C-alpha cells in the first residue's frame, strides 16, 4: 500500500519480473446517487513490447477499458 485514506483513496504498487512496475490508485468521491470511483495508474517501468502485445490481445486496447456511468 502506498496510500490509504479511508473513504477517500487507496493506492498500491505492483511490480515483478516481466510485469513492469505500476502504481494503481483508486479515488472515492461522494455524489448524490452514491460514490464515484476513479481508477488511475502510473507506469514507472512499463511492460516490454512482447508483454504489451500479449496484454492487448487479452484485454483489448486501453480505450476499450474506459467505462463511465452505473
Protein backbone atom coordinates (compact mmCIF):
# COMPACT_ATOMS: atom_id res chain seq x y z
CA UNK A 1 0.00 0.00 0.00
CA UNK A 2 1.31 3.42 -0.89
CA UNK A 3 -1.78 5.39 0.23
CA UNK A 4 -4.71 4.57 2.48
CA UNK A 5 -7.19 7.26 3.42
CA UNK A 6 -10.49 5.64 4.47
CA UNK A 7 -13.43 6.83 2.39
CA UNK A 8 -11.17 8.86 0.07
CA UNK A 9 -8.42 6.88 -1.64
CA UNK A 10 -6.10 3.92 -1.65
CA UNK A 11 -3.12 3.03 -3.79
CA UNK A 12 -0.62 0.23 -4.19
CA UNK A 13 2.44 -0.60 -6.27
CA UNK A 14 2.73 -3.78 -8.31
CA UNK A 15 5.92 -4.96 -9.95
CA UNK A 16 7.81 -8.11 -10.84
CA UNK A 17 9.95 -9.76 -13.48
CA UNK A 18 8.34 -9.34 -16.90
CA UNK A 19 5.35 -7.45 -15.50
CA UNK A 20 6.66 -3.89 -15.31
CA UNK A 21 6.15 -1.60 -12.34
CA UNK A 22 2.87 0.27 -11.82
CA UNK A 23 1.22 2.28 -9.06
CA UNK A 24 -2.57 1.87 -9.07
CA UNK A 25 -4.81 4.48 -7.40
CA UNK A 26 -8.49 4.43 -6.52
CA UNK A 27 -10.18 7.69 -5.52
CA UNK A 28 -13.65 7.69 -3.95
CA UNK A 29 -15.88 10.74 -4.26
CA UNK A 30 -19.35 11.08 -2.77
CA UNK A 31 -22.02 12.01 -5.32
CA UNK A 32 -25.80 12.40 -4.84
CA UNK A 33 -26.52 8.87 -6.11
CA UNK A 34 -23.70 7.07 -4.25
CA UNK A 35 -19.94 7.07 -4.78
CA UNK A 36 -17.83 7.79 -7.84
CA UNK A 37 -14.79 5.51 -8.08
CA UNK A 38 -11.93 6.72 -10.25
CA UNK A 39 -9.12 4.32 -11.14
CA UNK A 40 -5.77 5.60 -12.38
CA UNK A 41 -2.21 4.36 -12.62
CA UNK A 42 1.37 5.45 -13.21
CA UNK A 43 3.73 3.24 -15.20
CA UNK A 44 7.10 3.63 -13.53
CA UNK A 45 8.52 0.81 -15.67
CA UNK A 46 6.07 -0.16 -18.42
CA UNK A 47 5.79 -3.66 -19.85
CA UNK A 48 8.19 -4.64 -22.60
CA UNK A 49 6.94 -4.80 -26.19
CA UNK A 50 6.19 -8.55 -26.16
CA UNK A 51 4.21 -8.41 -22.90
CA UNK A 52 2.36 -5.29 -24.08
CA UNK A 53 1.34 -7.12 -27.27
CA UNK A 54 0.11 -10.17 -25.32
CA UNK A 55 -1.79 -7.98 -22.84
CA UNK A 56 -3.52 -6.10 -25.67
CA UNK A 57 -4.57 -9.43 -27.22
CA UNK A 58 -6.18 -10.46 -23.90
CA UNK A 59 -7.73 -7.15 -22.82
CA UNK A 60 -8.03 -5.03 -25.96
CA UNK A 61 -6.60 -1.53 -26.37
CA UNK A 62 -6.69 0.82 -23.33
CA UNK A 63 -9.67 2.81 -24.71
CA UNK A 64 -11.75 -0.36 -24.52
CA UNK A 65 -11.18 -0.42 -20.76
CA UNK A 66 -12.68 3.04 -20.14
CA UNK A 67 -16.09 2.93 -18.50
CA UNK A 68 -18.40 5.52 -17.05
CA UNK A 69 -21.84 5.52 -15.53
CA UNK A 70 -23.60 2.88 -13.49
